[in-house]
Amino acid sequence: FSSFGDAPGGFSEELKEFTWSLGGEYWYQDSFAFRLGYFH
């Protein structure tokens, strides 16, 4: 619980502890899929 507010650099550094990712998936006839994504 303290990990959400203990970054020594304050709130701005706390936000940097979050990672985020985006992704997509396409299915054709429920037989073939193509996927892509990005992680930061």
Full PDB file with SEQRES, HELIX, SHEET, SSBOND, CRYST1, ORIGX, SCALE, CONECT and MASTER records, all heavy atoms in Angstrom:
SEQRES   1 A   40  PHE SER SER PHE GLY ASP ALA PRO GLY GLY PHE SER GLU          
SEQRES   2 A   40  GLU LEU LYS GLU PHE THR TRP SER LEU GLY GLY GLU TYR          
SEQRES   3 A   40  TRP TYR GLN ASP SER PHE ALA PHE ARG LEU GLY TYR PHE          
SEQRES   4 A   40  HIS                                                          
HELIX    1 AA1 SER A    2  PHE A    4  5                                   3    
HELIX    2 AA2 PHE A   11  LYS A   16  1                                   6    
SHEET    1 AA1 2 SER A  21  TYR A  28  0                                        
SHEET    2 AA1 2 PHE A  32  PHE A  39 -1                                        
CRYST1    1.000    1.000    1.000  90.00  90.00  90.00 P 1           1          
ORIGX1      1.000000  0.000000  0.000000        0.00000                         
ORIGX2      0.000000  1.000000  0.000000        0.00000                         
ORIGX3      0.000000  0.000000  1.000000        0.00000                         
SCALE1      1.000000  0.000000  0.000000        0.00000                         
SCALE2      0.000000  1.000000  0.000000        0.00000                         
SCALE3      0.000000  0.000000  1.000000        0.00000                         
ATOM      1  N   PHE A   1       0.821  -1.210   0.000  1.00  0.00           N  
ATOM      2  CA  PHE A   1       0.000   0.000   0.000  1.00  0.00           C  
ATOM      3  C   PHE A   1       0.858   1.265   0.000  1.00  0.00           C  
ATOM      4  O   PHE A   1       0.514   2.255  -0.662  1.00  0.00           O  
ATOM      5  CB  PHE A   1      -0.936  -0.019   1.208  1.00  0.00           C  
ATOM      6  CG  PHE A   1      -1.893  -1.177   1.202  1.00  0.00           C  
ATOM      7  CD1 PHE A   1      -1.625  -2.331   1.930  1.00  0.00           C  
ATOM      8  CD2 PHE A   1      -3.055  -1.132   0.453  1.00  0.00           C  
ATOM      9  CE1 PHE A   1      -2.496  -3.410   1.906  1.00  0.00           C  
ATOM     10  CE2 PHE A   1      -3.931  -2.209   0.420  1.00  0.00           C  
ATOM     11  CZ  PHE A   1      -3.656  -3.356   1.151  1.00  0.00           C  
ATOM     12  N   SER A   2       1.990   1.228   0.721  1.00  0.00           N  
ATOM     13  CA  SER A   2       2.849   2.415   0.732  1.00  0.00           C  
ATOM     14  C   SER A   2       3.502   2.647  -0.622  1.00  0.00           C  
ATOM     15  O   SER A   2       3.956   3.753  -0.915  1.00  0.00           O  
ATOM     16  CB  SER A   2       3.923   2.273   1.817  1.00  0.00           C  
ATOM     17  OG  SER A   2       4.822   1.208   1.517  1.00  0.00           O  
ATOM     18  N   SER A   3       3.538   1.606  -1.484  1.00  0.00           N  
ATOM     19  CA  SER A   3       4.189   1.743  -2.784  1.00  0.00           C  
ATOM     20  C   SER A   3       3.491   2.744  -3.691  1.00  0.00           C  
ATOM     21  O   SER A   3       4.084   3.192  -4.676  1.00  0.00           O  
ATOM     22  CB  SER A   3       4.253   0.379  -3.484  1.00  0.00           C  
ATOM     23  OG  SER A   3       2.954  -0.086  -3.821  1.00  0.00           O  
ATOM     24  N   PHE A   4       2.255   3.109  -3.372  1.00  0.00           N  
ATOM     25  CA  PHE A   4       1.535   4.072  -4.197  1.00  0.00           C  
ATOM     26  C   PHE A   4       1.860   5.518  -3.817  1.00  0.00           C  
ATOM     27  O   PHE A   4       1.337   6.440  -4.443  1.00  0.00           O  
ATOM     28  CB  PHE A   4       0.029   3.841  -4.091  1.00  0.00           C  
ATOM     29  CG  PHE A   4      -0.441   2.638  -4.861  1.00  0.00           C  
ATOM     30  CD1 PHE A   4      -0.564   1.401  -4.248  1.00  0.00           C  
ATOM     31  CD2 PHE A   4      -0.750   2.736  -6.212  1.00  0.00           C  
ATOM     32  CE1 PHE A   4      -0.994   0.287  -4.953  1.00  0.00           C  
ATOM     33  CE2 PHE A   4      -1.177   1.630  -6.927  1.00  0.00           C  
ATOM     34  CZ  PHE A   4      -1.296   0.405  -6.296  1.00  0.00           C  
ATOM     35  N   GLY A   5       2.702   5.719  -2.809  1.00  0.00           N  
ATOM     36  CA  GLY A   5       3.010   7.085  -2.420  1.00  0.00           C  
ATOM     37  C   GLY A   5       4.386   7.272  -1.822  1.00  0.00           C  
ATOM     38  O   GLY A   5       4.611   8.256  -1.109  1.00  0.00           O  
ATOM     39  N   ASP A   6       5.322   6.362  -2.093  1.00  0.00           N  
ATOM     40  CA  ASP A   6       6.639   6.448  -1.450  1.00  0.00           C  
ATOM     41  C   ASP A   6       7.770   6.806  -2.395  1.00  0.00           C  
ATOM     42  O   ASP A   6       8.943   6.758  -2.004  1.00  0.00           O  
ATOM     43  CB  ASP A   6       6.962   5.126  -0.748  1.00  0.00           C  
ATOM     44  CG  ASP A   6       7.145   3.968  -1.725  1.00  0.00           C  
ATOM     45  OD1 ASP A   6       6.866   4.149  -2.929  1.00  0.00           O  
ATOM     46  OD2 ASP A   6       7.559   2.882  -1.294  1.00  0.00           O  
ATOM     47  N   ALA A   7       7.464   7.161  -3.633  1.00  0.00           N  
ATOM     48  CA  ALA A   7       8.541   7.518  -4.565  1.00  0.00           C  
ATOM     49  C   ALA A   7       9.262   8.758  -4.046  1.00  0.00           C  
ATOM     50  O   ALA A   7       8.621   9.762  -3.729  1.00  0.00           O  
ATOM     51  CB  ALA A   7       7.974   7.777  -5.959  1.00  0.00           C  
ATOM     52  N   PRO A   8      10.587   8.718  -3.939  1.00  0.00           N  
ATOM     53  CA  PRO A   8      11.308   9.859  -3.353  1.00  0.00           C  
ATOM     54  C   PRO A   8      11.190  11.136  -4.163  1.00  0.00           C  
ATOM     55  O   PRO A   8      11.354  12.226  -3.627  1.00  0.00           O  
ATOM     56  CB  PRO A   8      12.757   9.361  -3.300  1.00  0.00           C  
ATOM     57  CG  PRO A   8      12.836   8.279  -4.311  1.00  0.00           C  
ATOM     58  CD  PRO A   8      11.496   7.635  -4.308  1.00  0.00           C  
ATOM     59  N   GLY A   9      10.893  11.009  -5.449  1.00  0.00           N  
ATOM     60  CA  GLY A   9      10.736  12.193  -6.290  1.00  0.00           C  
ATOM     61  C   GLY A   9       9.340  12.759  -6.299  1.00  0.00           C  
ATOM     62  O   GLY A   9       9.040  13.666  -7.092  1.00  0.00           O  
ATOM     63  N   GLY A  10       8.449  12.225  -5.432  1.00  0.00           N  
ATOM     64  CA  GLY A  10       7.099  12.754  -5.348  1.00  0.00           C  
ATOM     65  C   GLY A  10       6.150  12.162  -6.376  1.00  0.00           C  
ATOM     66  O   GLY A  10       6.401  11.103  -6.966  1.00  0.00           O  
ATOM     67  N   PHE A  11       5.042  12.864  -6.587  1.00  0.00           N  
ATOM     68  CA  PHE A  11       3.957  12.351  -7.433  1.00  0.00           C  
ATOM     69  C   PHE A  11       4.414  12.118  -8.867  1.00  0.00           C  
ATOM     70  O   PHE A  11       4.001  11.153  -9.509  1.00  0.00           O  
ATOM     71  CB  PHE A  11       2.779  13.319  -7.392  1.00  0.00           C  
ATOM     72  CG  PHE A  11       1.585  12.852  -8.172  1.00  0.00           C  
ATOM     73  CD1 PHE A  11       0.828  11.777  -7.735  1.00  0.00           C  
ATOM     74  CD2 PHE A  11       1.225  13.480  -9.354  1.00  0.00           C  
ATOM     75  CE1 PHE A  11      -0.276  11.337  -8.459  1.00  0.00           C  
ATOM     76  CE2 PHE A  11       0.123  13.048 -10.080  1.00  0.00           C  
ATOM     77  CZ  PHE A  11      -0.630  11.979  -9.628  1.00  0.00           C  
ATOM     78  N   SER A  12       5.257  12.991  -9.376  1.00  0.00           N  
ATOM     79  CA  SER A  12       5.706  12.834 -10.761  1.00  0.00           C  
ATOM     80  C   SER A  12       6.485  11.535 -10.940  1.00  0.00           C  
ATOM     81  O   SER A  12       6.332  10.845 -11.955  1.00  0.00           O  
ATOM     82  CB  SER A  12       6.559  14.028 -11.186  1.00  0.00           C  
ATOM     83  OG  SER A  12       7.719  14.134 -10.379  1.00  0.00           O  
ATOM     84  N   GLU A  13       7.322  11.186  -9.952  1.00  0.00           N  
ATOM     85  CA  GLU A  13       8.046   9.918 -10.045  1.00  0.00           C  
ATOM     86  C   GLU A  13       7.116   8.737  -9.827  1.00  0.00           C  
ATOM     87  O   GLU A  13       7.291   7.681 -10.431  1.00  0.00           O  
ATOM     88  CB  GLU A  13       9.191   9.873  -9.027  1.00  0.00           C  
ATOM     89  CG  GLU A  13      10.021   8.604  -9.145  1.00  0.00           C  
ATOM     90  CD  GLU A  13      11.203   8.541  -8.202  1.00  0.00           C  
ATOM     91  OE1 GLU A  13      11.593   9.600  -7.671  1.00  0.00           O  
ATOM     92  OE2 GLU A  13      11.746   7.439  -7.989  1.00  0.00           O  
ATOM     93  N   GLU A  14       6.101   8.907  -8.979  1.00  0.00           N  
ATOM     94  CA  GLU A  14       5.138   7.835  -8.750  1.00  0.00           C  
ATOM     95  C   GLU A  14       4.438   7.453 -10.048  1.00  0.00           C  
ATOM     96  O   GLU A  14       4.212   6.264 -10.335  1.00  0.00           O  
ATOM     97  CB  GLU A  14       4.117   8.270  -7.704  1.00  0.00           C  
ATOM     98  CG  GLU A  14       3.390   7.130  -7.022  1.00  0.00           C  
ATOM     99  CD  GLU A  14       4.291   6.318  -6.112  1.00  0.00           C  
ATOM    100  OE1 GLU A  14       4.957   6.894  -5.241  1.00  0.00           O  
ATOM    101  OE2 GLU A  14       4.324   5.075  -6.298  1.00  0.00           O  
ATOM    102  N   LEU A  15       4.084   8.456 -10.850  1.00  0.00           N  
ATOM    103  CA  LEU A  15       3.431   8.176 -12.127  1.00  0.00           C  
ATOM    104  C   LEU A  15       4.351   7.408 -13.070  1.00  0.00           C  
ATOM    105  O   LEU A  15       3.880   6.598 -13.883  1.00  0.00           O  
ATOM    106  CB  LEU A  15       2.987   9.491 -12.784  1.00  0.00           C  
ATOM    107  CG  LEU A  15       1.824  10.227 -12.120  1.00  0.00           C  
ATOM    108  CD1 LEU A  15       1.534  11.527 -12.865  1.00  0.00           C  
ATOM    109  CD2 LEU A  15       0.572   9.364 -12.072  1.00  0.00           C  
ATOM    110  N   LYS A  16       5.650   7.641 -12.954  1.00  0.00           N  
ATOM    111  CA  LYS A  16       6.594   6.951 -13.823  1.00  0.00           C  
ATOM    112  C   LYS A  16       6.722   5.474 -13.477  1.00  0.00           C  
ATOM    113  O   LYS A  16       7.284   4.709 -14.268  1.00  0.00           O  
ATOM    114  CB  LYS A  16       7.961   7.627 -13.752  1.00  0.00           C  
ATOM    115  CG  LYS A  16       7.969   9.034 -14.331  1.00  0.00           C  
ATOM    116  CD  LYS A  16       9.324   9.696 -14.160  1.00  0.00           C  
ATOM    117  CE  LYS A  16       9.312  11.107 -14.722  1.00  0.00           C  
ATOM    118  NZ  LYS A  16      10.603  11.810 -14.533  1.00  0.00           N  
ATOM    119  N   GLU A  17       6.226   5.069 -12.317  1.00  0.00           N  
ATOM    120  CA  GLU A  17       6.273   3.656 -11.942  1.00  0.00           C  
ATOM    121  C   GLU A  17       5.190   2.837 -12.634  1.00  0.00           C  
ATOM    122  O   GLU A  17       5.194   1.606 -12.548  1.00  0.00           O  
ATOM    123  CB  GLU A  17       6.154   3.523 -10.423  1.00  0.00           C  
ATOM    124  CG  GLU A  17       7.351   4.102  -9.672  1.00  0.00           C  
ATOM    125  CD  GLU A  17       7.254   3.920  -8.178  1.00  0.00           C  
ATOM    126  OE1 GLU A  17       6.216   3.401  -7.704  1.00  0.00           O  
ATOM    127  OE2 GLU A  17       8.212   4.290  -7.464  1.00  0.00           O  
ATOM    128  N   PHE A  18       4.254   3.491 -13.301  1.00  0.00           N  
ATOM    129  CA  PHE A  18       3.231   2.790 -14.075  1.00  0.00           C  
ATOM    130  C   PHE A  18       3.748   2.513 -15.478  1.00  0.00           C  
ATOM    131  O   PHE A  18       4.339   3.381 -16.126  1.00  0.00           O  
ATOM    132  CB  PHE A  18       1.951   3.625 -14.177  1.00  0.00           C  
ATOM    133  CG  PHE A  18       1.129   3.653 -12.920  1.00  0.00           C  
ATOM    134  CD1 PHE A  18       1.424   4.554 -11.916  1.00  0.00           C  
ATOM    135  CD2 PHE A  18       0.070   2.781 -12.747  1.00  0.00           C  
ATOM    136  CE1 PHE A  18       0.672   4.595 -10.752  1.00  0.00           C  
ATOM    137  CE2 PHE A  18      -0.690   2.814 -11.588  1.00  0.00           C  
ATOM    138  CZ  PHE A  18      -0.381   3.721 -10.587  1.00  0.00           C  
ATOM    139  N   THR A  19       3.539   1.302 -15.947  1.00  0.00           N  
ATOM    140  CA  THR A  19       3.775   0.989 -17.351  1.00  0.00           C  
ATOM    141  C   THR A  19       2.423   0.931 -18.058  1.00  0.00           C  
ATOM    142  O   THR A  19       1.387   0.721 -17.429  1.00  0.00           O  
ATOM    143  CB  THR A  19       4.497  -0.355 -17.526  1.00  0.00           C  
ATOM    144  OG1 THR A  19       3.625  -1.426 -17.110  1.00  0.00           O  
ATOM    145  CG2 THR A  19       5.769  -0.398 -16.692  1.00  0.00           C  
ATOM    146  N   TRP A  20       2.435   1.116 -19.366  1.00  0.00           N  
ATOM    147  CA  TRP A  20       1.186   1.011 -20.116  1.00  0.00           C  
ATOM    148  C   TRP A  20       1.452   0.313 -21.449  1.00  0.00           C  
ATOM    149  O   TRP A  20       2.565   0.317 -21.963  1.00  0.00           O  
ATOM    150  CB  TRP A  20       0.546   2.385 -20.346  1.00  0.00           C  
ATOM    151  CG  TRP A  20       1.405   3.404 -21.052  1.00  0.00           C  
ATOM    152  CD1 TRP A  20       2.236   4.327 -20.492  1.00  0.00           C  
ATOM    153  CD2 TRP A  20       1.510   3.593 -22.483  1.00  0.00           C  
ATOM    154  NE1 TRP A  20       2.851   5.078 -21.455  1.00  0.00           N  
ATOM    155  CE2 TRP A  20       2.423   4.666 -22.681  1.00  0.00           C  
ATOM    156  CE3 TRP A  20       0.927   2.981 -23.581  1.00  0.00           C  
ATOM    157  CZ2 TRP A  20       2.758   5.118 -23.954  1.00  0.00           C  
ATOM    158  CZ3 TRP A  20       1.268   3.425 -24.857  1.00  0.00           C  
ATOM    159  CH2 TRP A  20       2.162   4.490 -25.030  1.00  0.00           C  
ATOM    160  N   SER A  21       0.411  -0.294 -21.941  1.00  0.00           N  
ATOM    161  CA  SER A  21       0.517  -1.000 -23.214  1.00  0.00           C  
ATOM    162  C   SER A  21      -0.795  -0.894 -23.975  1.00  0.00           C  
ATOM    163  O   SER A  21      -1.879  -0.775 -23.379  1.00  0.00           O  
ATOM    164  CB  SER A  21       0.890  -2.474 -23.001  1.00  0.00           C  
ATOM    165  OG  SER A  21       0.023  -3.086 -22.075  1.00  0.00           O  
ATOM    166  N   LEU A  22      -0.691  -0.921 -25.279  1.00  0.00           N  
ATOM    167  CA  LEU A  22      -1.834  -0.901 -26.194  1.00  0.00           C  
ATOM    168  C   LEU A  22      -1.691  -2.065 -27.161  1.00  0.00           C  
ATOM    169  O   LEU A  22      -0.569  -2.418 -27.561  1.00  0.00           O  
ATOM    170  CB  LEU A  22      -1.904   0.421 -26.966  1.00  0.00           C  
ATOM    171  CG  LEU A  22      -2.066   1.704 -26.152  1.00  0.00           C  
ATOM    172  CD1 LEU A  22      -1.930   2.925 -27.057  1.00  0.00           C  
ATOM    173  CD2 LEU A  22      -3.414   1.720 -25.441  1.00  0.00           C  
ATOM    174  N   GLY A  23      -2.811  -2.653 -27.549  1.00  0.00           N  
ATOM    175  CA  GLY A  23      -2.734  -3.784 -28.465  1.00  0.00           C  
ATOM    176  C   GLY A  23      -4.032  -3.999 -29.221  1.00  0.00           C  
ATOM    177  O   GLY A  23      -5.099  -3.501 -28.833  1.00  0.00           O  
ATOM    178  N   GLY A  24      -3.914  -4.725 -30.298  1.00  0.00           N  
ATOM    179  CA  GLY A  24      -5.074  -5.050 -31.106  1.00  0.00           C  
ATOM    180  C   GLY A  24      -4.966  -6.453 -31.673  1.00  0.00           C  
ATOM    181  O   GLY A  24      -3.866  -7.012 -31.812  1.00  0.00           O  
ATOM    182  N   GLU A  25      -6.130  -7.025 -31.998  1.00  0.00           N  
ATOM    183  CA  GLU A  25      -6.186  -8.384 -32.535  1.00  0.00           C  
ATOM    184  C   GLU A  25      -7.284  -8.452 -33.589  1.00  0.00           C  
ATOM    185  O   GLU A  25      -8.401  -7.972 -33.371  1.00  0.00           O  
ATOM    186  CB  GLU A  25      -6.462  -9.372 -31.400  1.00  0.00           C  
ATOM    187  CG  GLU A  25      -6.536 -10.828 -31.822  1.00  0.00           C  
ATOM    188  CD  GLU A  25      -6.785 -11.753 -30.638  1.00  0.00           C  
ATOM    189  OE1 GLU A  25      -7.714 -11.469 -29.843  1.00  0.00           O  
ATOM    190  OE2 GLU A  25      -6.068 -12.750 -30.505  1.00  0.00           O  
ATOM    191  N   TYR A  26      -6.959  -9.035 -34.725  1.00  0.00           N  
ATOM    192  CA  TYR A  26      -7.931  -9.213 -35.800  1.00  0.00           C  
ATOM    193  C   TYR A  26      -8.110 -10.708 -36.071  1.00  0.00           C  
ATOM    194  O   TYR A  26      -7.130 -11.435 -36.257  1.00  0.00           O  
ATOM    195  CB  TYR A  26      -7.464  -8.509 -37.072  1.00  0.00           C  
ATOM    196  CG  TYR A  26      -8.243  -8.913 -38.311  1.00  0.00           C  
ATOM    197  CD1 TYR A  26      -9.561  -8.489 -38.500  1.00  0.00           C  
ATOM    198  CD2 TYR A  26      -7.669  -9.741 -39.280  1.00  0.00           C  
ATOM    199  CE1 TYR A  26     -10.279  -8.871 -39.617  1.00  0.00           C  
ATOM    200  CE2 TYR A  26      -8.374 -10.130 -40.402  1.00  0.00           C  
ATOM    201  CZ  TYR A  26      -9.682  -9.696 -40.569  1.00  0.00           C  
ATOM    202  OH  TYR A  26     -10.392 -10.082 -41.674  1.00  0.00           O  
ATOM    203  N   TRP A  27      -9.349 -11.160 -36.072  1.00  0.00           N  
ATOM    204  CA  TRP A  27      -9.667 -12.556 -36.381  1.00  0.00           C  
ATOM    205  C   TRP A  27     -10.470 -12.621 -37.676  1.00  0.00           C  
ATOM    206  O   TRP A  27     -11.435 -11.871 -37.871  1.00  0.00           O  
ATOM    207  CB  TRP A  27     -10.484 -13.195 -35.265  1.00  0.00           C  
ATOM    208  CG  TRP A  27      -9.665 -13.754 -34.148  1.00  0.00           C  
ATOM    209  CD1 TRP A  27      -9.440 -13.190 -32.935  1.00  0.00           C  
ATOM    210  CD2 TRP A  27      -8.961 -15.009 -34.148  1.00  0.00           C  
ATOM    211  NE1 TRP A  27      -8.634 -14.000 -32.173  1.00  0.00           N  
ATOM    212  CE2 TRP A  27      -8.320 -15.124 -32.885  1.00  0.00           C  
ATOM    213  CE3 TRP A  27      -8.787 -16.027 -35.083  1.00  0.00           C  
ATOM    214  CZ2 TRP A  27      -7.542 -16.221 -32.554  1.00  0.00           C  
ATOM    215  CZ3 TRP A  27      -8.003 -17.115 -34.747  1.00  0.00           C  
ATOM    216  CH2 TRP A  27      -7.396 -17.215 -33.502  1.00  0.00           C  
ATOM    217  N   TYR A  28     -10.076 -13.548 -38.552  1.00  0.00           N  
ATOM    218  CA  TYR A  28     -10.837 -13.821 -39.769  1.00  0.00           C  
ATOM    219  C   TYR A  28     -11.367 -15.247 -39.718  1.00  0.00           C  
ATOM    220  O   TYR A  28     -10.593 -16.211 -39.580  1.00  0.00           O  
ATOM    221  CB  TYR A  28      -9.950 -13.642 -41.006  1.00  0.00           C  
ATOM    222  CG  TYR A  28     -10.660 -13.997 -42.288  1.00  0.00           C  
ATOM    223  CD1 TYR A  28     -11.690 -13.193 -42.781  1.00  0.00           C  
ATOM    224  CD2 TYR A  28     -10.319 -15.145 -43.002  1.00  0.00           C  
ATOM    225  CE1 TYR A  28     -12.351 -13.518 -43.956  1.00  0.00           C  
ATOM    226  CE2 TYR A  28     -10.968 -15.484 -44.173  1.00  0.00           C  
ATOM    227  CZ  TYR A  28     -11.992 -14.665 -44.646  1.00  0.00           C  
ATOM    228  OH  TYR A  28     -12.658 -15.007 -45.797  1.00  0.00           O  
ATOM    229  N   GLN A  29     -12.676 -15.372 -39.790  1.00  0.00           N  
ATOM    230  CA  GLN A  29     -13.368 -16.663 -39.764  1.00  0.00           C  
ATOM    231  C   GLN A  29     -12.986 -17.499 -38.541  1.00  0.00           C  
ATOM    232  O   GLN A  29     -13.061 -18.731 -38.584  1.00  0.00           O  
ATOM    233  CB  GLN A  29     -13.087 -17.455 -41.050  1.00  0.00           C  
ATOM    234  CG  GLN A  29     -13.829 -16.925 -42.259  1.00  0.00           C  
ATOM    235  CD  GLN A  29     -13.741 -17.870 -43.451  1.00  0.00           C  
ATOM    236  OE1 GLN A  29     -12.796 -18.637 -43.588  1.00  0.00           O  
ATOM    237  NE2 GLN A  29     -14.742 -17.822 -44.311  1.00  0.00           N  
ATOM    238  N   ASP A  30     -12.581 -16.843 -37.505  1.00  0.00           N  
ATOM    239  CA  ASP A  30     -12.200 -17.525 -36.266  1.00  0.00           C  
ATOM    240  C   ASP A  30     -11.106 -18.565 -36.506  1.00  0.00           C  
ATOM    241  O   ASP A  30     -10.977 -19.540 -35.758  1.00  0.00           O  
ATOM    242  CB  ASP A  30     -13.429 -18.192 -35.626  1.00  0.00           C  
ATOM    243  CG  ASP A  30     -13.293 -18.333 -34.118  1.00  0.00           C  
ATOM    244  OD1 ASP A  30     -12.598 -17.494 -33.512  1.00  0.00           O  
ATOM    245  OD2 ASP A  30     -13.873 -19.273 -33.548  1.00  0.00           O  
ATOM    246  N   SER A  31     -10.317 -18.351 -37.580  1.00  0.00           N  
ATOM    247  CA  SER A  31      -9.285 -19.318 -37.949  1.00  0.00           C  
ATOM    248  C   SER A  31      -7.896 -18.707 -38.037  1.00  0.00           C  
ATOM    249  O   SER A  31      -6.902 -19.403 -37.799  1.00  0.00           O  
ATOM    250  CB  SER A  31      -9.620 -19.971 -39.301  1.00  0.00           C  
ATOM    251  OG  SER A  31     -10.845 -20.671 -39.224  1.00  0.00           O  
ATOM    252  N   PHE A  32      -7.817 -17.437 -38.408  1.00  0.00           N  
ATOM    253  CA  PHE A  32      -6.532 -16.771 -38.526  1.00  0.00           C  
ATOM    254  C   PHE A  32      -6.574 -15.447 -37.774  1.00  0.00           C  
ATOM    255  O   PHE A  32      -7.553 -14.708 -37.868  1.00  0.00           O  
ATOM    256  CB  PHE A  32      -6.174 -16.515 -39.990  1.00  0.00           C  
ATOM    257  CG  PHE A  32      -4.968 -15.647 -40.159  1.00  0.00           C  
ATOM    258  CD1 PHE A  32      -3.693 -16.159 -39.979  1.00  0.00           C  
ATOM    259  CD2 PHE A  32      -5.106 -14.297 -40.472  1.00  0.00           C  
ATOM    260  CE1 PHE A  32      -2.579 -15.349 -40.110  1.00  0.00           C  
ATOM    261  CE2 PHE A  32      -3.990 -13.485 -40.611  1.00  0.00           C  
ATOM    262  CZ  PHE A  32      -2.717 -14.017 -40.433  1.00  0.00           C  
ATOM    263  N   ALA A  33      -5.506 -15.151 -37.034  1.00  0.00           N  
ATOM    264  CA  ALA A  33      -5.432 -13.914 -36.256  1.00  0.00           C  
ATOM    265  C   ALA A  33      -4.141 -13.175 -36.555  1.00  0.00           C  
ATOM    266  O   ALA A  33      -3.087 -13.787 -36.769  1.00  0.00           O  
ATOM    267  CB  ALA A  33      -5.516 -14.220 -34.760  1.00  0.00           C  
ATOM    268  N   PHE A  34      -4.242 -11.851 -36.579  1.00  0.00           N  
ATOM    269  CA  PHE A  34      -3.074 -10.985 -36.687  1.00  0.00           C  
ATOM    270  C   PHE A  34      -3.097 -10.019 -35.504  1.00  0.00           C  
ATOM    271  O   PHE A  34      -4.151  -9.466 -35.172  1.00  0.00           O  
ATOM    272  CB  PHE A  34      -3.079 -10.206 -38.000  1.00  0.00           C  
ATOM    273  CG  PHE A  34      -1.956  -9.212 -38.103  1.00  0.00           C  
ATOM    274  CD1 PHE A  34      -0.658  -9.625 -38.350  1.00  0.00           C  
ATOM    275  CD2 PHE A  34      -2.202  -7.852 -37.927  1.00  0.00           C  
ATOM    276  CE1 PHE A  34       0.378  -8.715 -38.423  1.00  0.00           C  
ATOM    277  CE2 PHE A  34      -1.172  -6.933 -38.003  1.00  0.00           C  
ATOM    278  CZ  PHE A  34       0.128  -7.366 -38.256  1.00  0.00           C  
ATOM    279  N   ARG A  35      -1.934  -9.817 -34.872  1.00  0.00           N  
ATOM    280  CA  ARG A  35      -1.883  -9.010 -33.646  1.00  0.00           C  
ATOM    281  C   ARG A  35      -0.719  -8.014 -33.708  1.00  0.00           C  
ATOM    282  O   ARG A  35       0.299  -8.272 -34.345  1.00  0.00           O  
ATOM    283  CB  ARG A  35      -1.703  -9.916 -32.422  1.00  0.00           C  
ATOM    284  CG  ARG A  35      -2.733 -11.026 -32.332  1.00  0.00           C  
ATOM    285  CD  ARG A  35      -2.493 -11.945 -31.143  1.00  0.00           C  
ATOM    286  NE  ARG A  35      -3.488 -13.016 -31.130  1.00  0.00           N  
ATOM    287  CZ  ARG A  35      -3.241 -14.285 -31.450  1.00  0.00           C  
ATOM    288  NH1 ARG A  35      -2.015 -14.647 -31.786  1.00  0.00           N  
ATOM    289  NH2 ARG A  35      -4.206 -15.185 -31.418  1.00  0.00           N  
ATOM    290  N   LEU A  36      -0.909  -6.911 -33.014  1.00  0.00           N  
ATOM    291  CA  LEU A  36       0.169  -5.943 -32.838  1.00  0.00           C  
ATOM    292  C   LEU A  36      -0.012  -5.238 -31.507  1.00  0.00           C  
ATOM    293  O   LEU A  36      -1.109  -5.201 -30.941  1.00  0.00           O  
ATOM    294  CB  LEU A  36       0.213  -4.946 -34.001  1.00  0.00           C  
ATOM    295  CG  LEU A  36      -1.059  -4.177 -34.374  1.00  0.00           C  
ATOM    296  CD1 LEU A  36      -1.258  -2.952 -33.496  1.00  0.00           C  
ATOM    297  CD2 LEU A  36      -0.998  -3.749 -35.832  1.00  0.00           C  
ATOM    298  N   GLY A  37       1.086  -4.676 -30.995  1.00  0.00           N  
ATOM    299  CA  GLY A  37       1.006  -4.013 -29.703  1.00  0.00           C  
ATOM    300  C   GLY A  37       2.224  -3.151 -29.439  1.00  0.00           C  
ATOM    301  O   GLY A  37       3.219  -3.175 -30.172  1.00  0.00           O  
ATOM    302  N   TYR A  38       2.119  -2.382 -28.356  1.00  0.00           N  
ATOM    303  CA  TYR A  38       3.215  -1.511 -27.938  1.00  0.00           C  
ATOM    304  C   TYR A  38       3.246  -1.456 -26.420  1.00  0.00           C  
ATOM    305  O   TYR A  38       2.199  -1.345 -25.770  1.00  0.00           O  
ATOM    306  CB  TYR A  38       3.053  -0.098 -28.506  1.00  0.00           C  
ATOM    307  CG  TYR A  38       4.158   0.845 -28.061  1.00  0.00           C  
ATOM    308  CD1 TYR A  38       5.413   0.782 -28.636  1.00  0.00           C  
ATOM    309  CD2 TYR A  38       3.932   1.782 -27.055  1.00  0.00           C  
ATOM    310  CE1 TYR A  38       6.440   1.624 -28.228  1.00  0.00           C  
ATOM    311  CE2 TYR A  38       4.949   2.635 -26.636  1.00  0.00           C  
ATOM    312  CZ  TYR A  38       6.199   2.553 -27.227  1.00  0.00           C  
ATOM    313  OH  TYR A  38       7.208   3.383 -26.810  1.00  0.00           O  
ATOM    314  N   PHE A  39       4.456  -1.514 -25.855  1.00  0.00           N  
ATOM    315  CA  PHE A  39       4.654  -1.472 -24.403  1.00  0.00           C  
ATOM    316  C   PHE A  39       5.585  -0.312 -24.078  1.00  0.00           C  
ATOM    317  O   PHE A  39       6.602  -0.106 -24.748  1.00  0.00           O  
ATOM    318  CB  PHE A  39       5.267  -2.786 -23.922  1.00  0.00           C  
ATOM    319  CG  PHE A  39       5.530  -2.849 -22.437  1.00  0.00           C  
ATOM    320  CD1 PHE A  39       4.611  -3.419 -21.576  1.00  0.00           C  
ATOM    321  CD2 PHE A  39       6.712  -2.337 -21.901  1.00  0.00           C  
ATOM    322  CE1 PHE A  39       4.854  -3.480 -20.210  1.00  0.00           C  
ATOM    323  CE2 PHE A  39       6.966  -2.395 -20.542  1.00  0.00           C  
ATOM    324  CZ  PHE A  39       6.032  -2.967 -19.700  1.00  0.00           C  
ATOM    325  N   HIS A  40       5.240   0.434 -22.999  1.00  0.00           N  
ATOM    326  CA  HIS A  40       6.053   1.591 -22.628  1.00  0.00           C  
ATOM    327  C   HIS A  40       6.319   1.604 -21.130  1.00  0.00           C  
ATOM    328  O   HIS A  40       5.396   1.452 -20.315  1.00  0.00           O  
ATOM    329  CB  HIS A  40       5.347   2.894 -23.013  1.00  0.00           C  
ATOM    330  CG  HIS A  40       6.139   4.128 -22.645  1.00  0.00           C  
ATOM    331  ND1 HIS A  40       7.060   4.686 -23.484  1.00  0.00           N  
ATOM    332  CD2 HIS A  40       6.133   4.890 -21.522  1.00  0.00           C  
ATOM    333  CE1 HIS A  40       7.600   5.744 -22.906  1.00  0.00           C  
ATOM    334  NE2 HIS A  40       7.054   5.898 -21.710  1.00  0.00           N  
TER     335      HIS A  40                                                      
MASTER        0    0    0    2    2    0    0    6  334    1    0    4          
END                                                                             
